[in-house]
């Protein structure tokens, strides 16, 4: 999966997720990465800060901690 893929609609993202045998969305790291890379709100919003050894939210995502 290419990290620079353009953001997609919710339906397109759901269609690309892995599913269980019963048809539900599988809870997996791959699905998590798919959503973080393709969702227009989350794409590019989280980065790892080497200096602080923490994850930083670098653009507004709709909620505060």
PDB file of N, CA and C in Angstrom:
ATOM      1  N   UNK A   1       0.847  -1.175   0.000  1.00  0.00           N
ATOM      2  CA  UNK A   1       0.000   0.000   0.000  1.00  0.00           C
ATOM      3  C   UNK A   1       0.890   1.235   0.000  1.00  0.00           C
ATOM      4  N   UNK A   2       0.590   2.168  -0.821  1.00  0.00           N
ATOM      5  CA  UNK A   2       1.374   3.378  -0.953  1.00  0.00           C
ATOM      6  C   UNK A   2       0.884   4.431   0.034  1.00  0.00           C
ATOM      7  N   UNK A   3       1.781   4.973   0.860  1.00  0.00           N
ATOM      8  CA  UNK A   3       1.410   5.965   1.862  1.00  0.00           C
ATOM      9  C   UNK A   3       0.979   7.286   1.230  1.00  0.00           C
ATOM     10  N   UNK A   4       1.323   7.523  -0.018  1.00  0.00           N
ATOM     11  CA  UNK A   4       0.989   8.775  -0.675  1.00  0.00           C
ATOM     12  C   UNK A   4      -0.282   8.674  -1.514  1.00  0.00           C
ATOM     13  N   UNK A   5      -1.087   7.674  -1.271  1.00  0.00           N
ATOM     14  CA  UNK A   5      -2.332   7.506  -2.012  1.00  0.00           C
ATOM     15  C   UNK A   5      -3.279   8.663  -1.701  1.00  0.00           C
ATOM     16  N   UNK A   6      -4.034   9.145  -2.688  1.00  0.00           N
ATOM     17  CA  UNK A   6      -4.944  10.260  -2.429  1.00  0.00           C
ATOM     18  C   UNK A   6      -6.078   9.844  -1.489  1.00  0.00           C
ATOM     19  N   UNK A   7      -6.595  10.798  -0.686  1.00  0.00           N
ATOM     20  CA  UNK A   7      -7.723  10.498   0.191  1.00  0.00           C
ATOM     21  C   UNK A   7      -8.922   9.987  -0.609  1.00  0.00           C
ATOM     22  N   UNK A   8      -9.719   9.119   0.011  1.00  0.00           N
ATOM     23  CA  UNK A   8     -10.863   8.511  -0.655  1.00  0.00           C
ATOM     24  C   UNK A   8     -12.125   8.738   0.165  1.00  0.00           C
ATOM     25  N   UNK A   9     -13.265   8.393  -0.423  1.00  0.00           N
ATOM     26  CA  UNK A   9     -14.538   8.508   0.284  1.00  0.00           C
ATOM     27  C   UNK A   9     -14.668   7.364   1.285  1.00  0.00           C
ATOM     28  N   UNK A  10     -15.611   7.503   2.204  1.00  0.00           N
ATOM     29  CA  UNK A  10     -15.847   6.473   3.216  1.00  0.00           C
ATOM     30  C   UNK A  10     -16.182   5.138   2.561  1.00  0.00           C
ATOM     31  N   UNK A  11     -17.006   5.155   1.526  1.00  0.00           N
ATOM     32  CA  UNK A  11     -17.403   3.916   0.851  1.00  0.00           C
ATOM     33  C   UNK A  11     -16.204   3.230   0.206  1.00  0.00           C
ATOM     34  N   UNK A  12     -15.319   4.024  -0.406  1.00  0.00           N
ATOM     35  CA  UNK A  12     -14.126   3.457  -1.038  1.00  0.00           C
ATOM     36  C   UNK A  12     -13.184   2.855   0.003  1.00  0.00           C
ATOM     37  N   UNK A  13     -13.058   3.525   1.137  1.00  0.00           N
ATOM     38  CA  UNK A  13     -12.199   3.009   2.205  1.00  0.00           C
ATOM     39  C   UNK A  13     -12.769   1.706   2.752  1.00  0.00           C
ATOM     40  N   UNK A  14     -14.077   1.675   3.031  1.00  0.00           N
ATOM     41  CA  UNK A  14     -14.706   0.455   3.558  1.00  0.00           C
ATOM     42  C   UNK A  14     -14.555  -0.713   2.599  1.00  0.00           C
ATOM     43  N   UNK A  15     -14.643  -0.439   1.309  1.00  0.00           N
ATOM     44  CA  UNK A  15     -14.520  -1.504   0.312  1.00  0.00           C
ATOM     45  C   UNK A  15     -13.119  -2.111   0.307  1.00  0.00           C
ATOM     46  N   UNK A  16     -12.117  -1.355   0.733  1.00  0.00           N
ATOM     47  CA  UNK A  16     -10.745  -1.838   0.727  1.00  0.00           C
ATOM     48  C   UNK A  16     -10.294  -2.501   2.011  1.00  0.00           C
ATOM     49  N   UNK A  17     -11.165  -2.583   3.014  1.00  0.00           N
ATOM     50  CA  UNK A  17     -10.785  -3.175   4.295  1.00  0.00           C
ATOM     51  C   UNK A  17     -10.927  -4.691   4.287  1.00  0.00           C
ATOM     52  N   UNK A  18     -10.084  -5.360   5.078  1.00  0.00           N
ATOM     53  CA  UNK A  18     -10.193  -6.811   5.247  1.00  0.00           C
ATOM     54  C   UNK A  18     -11.441  -7.105   6.070  1.00  0.00           C
ATOM     55  N   UNK A  19     -12.090  -8.213   5.771  1.00  0.00           N
ATOM     56  CA  UNK A  19     -13.299  -8.591   6.501  1.00  0.00           C
ATOM     57  C   UNK A  19     -13.137  -9.968   7.138  1.00  0.00           C
ATOM     58  N   UNK A  20     -14.020 -10.264   8.088  1.00  0.00           N
ATOM     59  CA  UNK A  20     -14.039 -11.571   8.742  1.00  0.00           C
ATOM     60  C   UNK A  20     -14.860 -12.537   7.900  1.00  0.00           C
ATOM     61  N   UNK A  21     -14.903 -13.787   8.335  1.00  0.00           N
ATOM     62  CA  UNK A  21     -15.693 -14.797   7.627  1.00  0.00           C
ATOM     63  C   UNK A  21     -17.186 -14.452   7.637  1.00  0.00           C
ATOM     64  N   UNK A  22     -17.618 -13.729   8.683  1.00  0.00           N
ATOM     65  CA  UNK A  22     -19.029 -13.356   8.801  1.00  0.00           C
ATOM     66  C   UNK A  22     -19.354 -12.047   8.077  1.00  0.00           C
ATOM     67  N   UNK A  23     -18.355 -11.419   7.472  1.00  0.00           N
ATOM     68  CA  UNK A  23     -18.599 -10.199   6.710  1.00  0.00           C
ATOM     69  C   UNK A  23     -18.343  -8.905   7.455  1.00  0.00           C
ATOM     70  N   UNK A  24     -17.953  -8.990   8.720  1.00  0.00           N
ATOM     71  CA  UNK A  24     -17.644  -7.781   9.482  1.00  0.00           C
ATOM     72  C   UNK A  24     -16.247  -7.279   9.166  1.00  0.00           C
ATOM     73  N   UNK A  25     -15.959  -6.072   9.588  1.00  0.00           N
ATOM     74  CA  UNK A  25     -14.628  -5.508   9.365  1.00  0.00           C
ATOM     75  C   UNK A  25     -13.657  -6.135  10.363  1.00  0.00           C
ATOM     76  N   UNK A  26     -12.552  -6.668   9.843  1.00  0.00           N
ATOM     77  CA  UNK A  26     -11.537  -7.304  10.684  1.00  0.00           C
ATOM     78  C   UNK A  26     -10.748  -6.222  11.429  1.00  0.00           C
ATOM     79  N   UNK A  27     -10.539  -6.431  12.728  1.00  0.00           N
ATOM     80  CA  UNK A  27      -9.729  -5.515  13.522  1.00  0.00           C
ATOM     81  C   UNK A  27      -8.268  -5.905  13.334  1.00  0.00           C
ATOM     82  N   UNK A  28      -7.577  -5.172  12.458  1.00  0.00           N
ATOM     83  CA  UNK A  28      -6.192  -5.511  12.146  1.00  0.00           C
ATOM     84  C   UNK A  28      -5.368  -4.244  11.957  1.00  0.00           C
ATOM     85  N   UNK A  29      -4.062  -4.404  12.088  1.00  0.00           N
ATOM     86  CA  UNK A  29      -3.153  -3.286  11.856  1.00  0.00           C
ATOM     87  C   UNK A  29      -3.264  -2.806  10.412  1.00  0.00           C
ATOM     88  N   UNK A  30      -3.410  -3.730   9.489  1.00  0.00           N
ATOM     89  CA  UNK A  30      -3.526  -3.354   8.072  1.00  0.00           C
ATOM     90  C   UNK A  30      -4.743  -2.456   7.849  1.00  0.00           C
ATOM     91  N   UNK A  31      -5.890  -2.801   8.448  1.00  0.00           N
ATOM     92  CA  UNK A  31      -7.088  -1.968   8.303  1.00  0.00           C
ATOM     93  C   UNK A  31      -6.875  -0.602   8.955  1.00  0.00           C
ATOM     94  N   UNK A  32      -6.209  -0.596  10.095  1.00  0.00           N
ATOM     95  CA  UNK A  32      -5.920   0.668  10.778  1.00  0.00           C
ATOM     96  C   UNK A  32      -5.071   1.568   9.882  1.00  0.00           C
ATOM     97  N   UNK A  33      -4.026   1.013   9.298  1.00  0.00           N
ATOM     98  CA  UNK A  33      -3.170   1.785   8.398  1.00  0.00           C
ATOM     99  C   UNK A  33      -3.936   2.269   7.173  1.00  0.00           C
ATOM    100  N   UNK A  34      -4.800   1.417   6.640  1.00  0.00           N
ATOM    101  CA  UNK A  34      -5.602   1.796   5.475  1.00  0.00           C
ATOM    102  C   UNK A  34      -6.437   3.033   5.781  1.00  0.00           C
ATOM    103  N   UNK A  35      -7.089   3.040   6.933  1.00  0.00           N
ATOM    104  CA  UNK A  35      -7.931   4.182   7.306  1.00  0.00           C
ATOM    105  C   UNK A  35      -7.074   5.426   7.528  1.00  0.00           C
ATOM    106  N   UNK A  36      -5.972   5.295   8.267  1.00  0.00           N
ATOM    107  CA  UNK A  36      -5.118   6.461   8.534  1.00  0.00           C
ATOM    108  C   UNK A  36      -4.501   7.038   7.268  1.00  0.00           C
ATOM    109  N   UNK A  37      -4.237   6.216   6.275  1.00  0.00           N
ATOM    110  CA  UNK A  37      -3.615   6.704   5.049  1.00  0.00           C
ATOM    111  C   UNK A  37      -4.618   7.249   4.041  1.00  0.00           C
ATOM    112  N   UNK A  38      -5.831   6.736   4.026  1.00  0.00           N
ATOM    113  CA  UNK A  38      -6.788   7.106   2.980  1.00  0.00           C
ATOM    114  C   UNK A  38      -7.882   8.070   3.418  1.00  0.00           C
ATOM    115  N   UNK A  39      -8.170   8.152   4.715  1.00  0.00           N
ATOM    116  CA  UNK A  39      -9.222   9.044   5.200  1.00  0.00           C
ATOM    117  C   UNK A  39      -8.768  10.498   5.050  1.00  0.00           C
ATOM    118  N   UNK A  40      -9.586  11.358   4.424  1.00  0.00           N
ATOM    119  CA  UNK A  40      -9.173  12.745   4.204  1.00  0.00           C
ATOM    120  C   UNK A  40      -8.902  13.505   5.506  1.00  0.00           C
ATOM    121  N   UNK A  41      -9.612  13.183   6.576  1.00  0.00           N
ATOM    122  CA  UNK A  41      -9.424  13.871   7.851  1.00  0.00           C
ATOM    123  C   UNK A  41      -8.152  13.402   8.556  1.00  0.00           C
ATOM    124  N   UNK A  42      -7.839  12.117   8.477  1.00  0.00           N
ATOM    125  CA  UNK A  42      -6.711  11.557   9.216  1.00  0.00           C
ATOM    126  C   UNK A  42      -5.409  11.488   8.423  1.00  0.00           C
ATOM    127  N   UNK A  43      -5.501  11.541   7.109  1.00  0.00           N
ATOM    128  CA  UNK A  43      -4.309  11.434   6.269  1.00  0.00           C
ATOM    129  C   UNK A  43      -3.337  12.578   6.563  1.00  0.00           C
ATOM    130  N   UNK A  44      -2.135  12.247   6.995  1.00  0.00           N
ATOM    131  CA  UNK A  44      -1.120  13.249   7.297  1.00  0.00           C
ATOM    132  C   UNK A  44      -1.327  13.986   8.599  1.00  0.00           C
ATOM    133  N   UNK A  45      -2.239  13.532   9.451  1.00  0.00           N
ATOM    134  CA  UNK A  45      -2.551  14.239  10.687  1.00  0.00           C
ATOM    135  C   UNK A  45      -1.671  13.821  11.861  1.00  0.00           C
ATOM    136  N   UNK A  46      -1.080  12.646  11.799  1.00  0.00           N
ATOM    137  CA  UNK A  46      -0.306  12.134  12.925  1.00  0.00           C
ATOM    138  C   UNK A  46       1.114  11.837  12.461  1.00  0.00           C
ATOM    139  N   UNK A  47       2.084  12.298  13.254  1.00  0.00           N
ATOM    140  CA  UNK A  47       3.489  12.083  12.915  1.00  0.00           C
ATOM    141  C   UNK A  47       4.263  11.714  14.171  1.00  0.00           C
ATOM    142  N   UNK A  48       5.356  10.993  13.990  1.00  0.00           N
ATOM    143  CA  UNK A  48       6.220  10.627  15.104  1.00  0.00           C
ATOM    144  C   UNK A  48       7.281  11.705  15.274  1.00  0.00           C
ATOM    145  N   UNK A  49       7.436  12.210  16.493  1.00  0.00           N
ATOM    146  CA  UNK A  49       8.417  13.238  16.807  1.00  0.00           C
ATOM    147  C   UNK A  49       9.629  12.561  17.433  1.00  0.00           C
ATOM    148  N   UNK A  50      10.736  12.529  16.709  1.00  0.00           N
ATOM    149  CA  UNK A  50      11.943  11.853  17.187  1.00  0.00           C
ATOM    150  C   UNK A  50      12.518  12.549  18.420  1.00  0.00           C
ATOM    151  N   UNK A  51      12.449  13.870  18.486  1.00  0.00           N
ATOM    152  CA  UNK A  51      13.032  14.604  19.610  1.00  0.00           C
ATOM    153  C   UNK A  51      12.325  14.315  20.926  1.00  0.00           C
ATOM    154  N   UNK A  52      10.999  14.215  20.892  1.00  0.00           N
ATOM    155  CA  UNK A  52      10.247  13.967  22.123  1.00  0.00           C
ATOM    156  C   UNK A  52       9.905  12.499  22.314  1.00  0.00           C
ATOM    157  N   UNK A  53      10.161  11.669  21.293  1.00  0.00           N
ATOM    158  CA  UNK A  53       9.846  10.238  21.323  1.00  0.00           C
ATOM    159  C   UNK A  53       8.344  10.012  21.535  1.00  0.00           C
ATOM    160  N   UNK A  54       7.527  10.868  20.907  1.00  0.00           N
ATOM    161  CA  UNK A  54       6.070  10.778  21.028  1.00  0.00           C
ATOM    162  C   UNK A  54       5.426  10.983  19.667  1.00  0.00           C
ATOM    163  N   UNK A  55       4.136  10.662  19.599  1.00  0.00           N
ATOM    164  CA  UNK A  55       3.348  10.934  18.410  1.00  0.00           C
ATOM    165  C   UNK A  55       2.727  12.317  18.548  1.00  0.00           C
ATOM    166  N   UNK A  56       2.744  13.084  17.463  1.00  0.00           N
ATOM    167  CA  UNK A  56       2.173  14.429  17.461  1.00  0.00           C
ATOM    168  C   UNK A  56       1.013  14.500  16.483  1.00  0.00           C
ATOM    169  N   UNK A  57      -0.029  15.221  16.873  1.00  0.00           N
ATOM    170  CA  UNK A  57      -1.134  15.525  15.964  1.00  0.00           C
ATOM    171  C   UNK A  57      -0.767  16.851  15.319  1.00  0.00           C
ATOM    172  N   UNK A  58      -0.575  16.841  13.996  1.00  0.00           N
ATOM    173  CA  UNK A  58      -0.021  18.015  13.327  1.00  0.00           C
ATOM    174  C   UNK A  58      -1.039  18.798  12.498  1.00  0.00           C
ATOM    175  N   UNK A  59      -2.297  18.367  12.501  1.00  0.00           N
ATOM    176  CA  UNK A  59      -3.352  19.151  11.861  1.00  0.00           C
ATOM    177  C   UNK A  59      -4.662  18.852  12.592  1.00  0.00           C
ATOM    178  N   UNK A  60      -5.631  19.762  12.538  1.00  0.00           N
ATOM    179  CA  UNK A  60      -6.895  19.559  13.253  1.00  0.00           C
ATOM    180  C   UNK A  60      -7.620  18.293  12.776  1.00  0.00           C
ATOM    181  N   UNK A  61      -8.107  17.491  13.742  1.00  0.00           N
ATOM    182  CA  UNK A  61      -8.837  16.274  13.383  1.00  0.00           C
ATOM    183  C   UNK A  61     -10.228  16.223  14.011  1.00  0.00           C
ATOM    184  N   UNK A  62     -10.665  17.325  14.606  1.00  0.00           N
ATOM    185  CA  UNK A  62     -12.042  17.397  15.065  1.00  0.00           C
ATOM    186  C   UNK A  62     -12.273  17.164  16.546  1.00  0.00           C
ATOM    187  N   UNK A  63     -11.218  16.891  17.322  1.00  0.00           N
ATOM    188  CA  UNK A  63     -11.397  16.759  18.766  1.00  0.00           C
ATOM    189  C   UNK A  63     -10.100  17.114  19.477  1.00  0.00           C
ATOM    190  N   UNK A  64     -10.229  17.456  20.755  1.00  0.00           N
ATOM    191  CA  UNK A  64      -9.065  17.808  21.571  1.00  0.00           C
ATOM    192  C   UNK A  64      -8.863  16.731  22.619  1.00  0.00           C
ATOM    193  N   UNK A  65      -7.631  16.541  23.027  1.00  0.00           N
ATOM    194  CA  UNK A  65      -7.350  15.555  24.066  1.00  0.00           C
ATOM    195  C   UNK A  65      -7.754  16.056  25.413  1.00  0.00           C
TER     196      UNK A  65
END
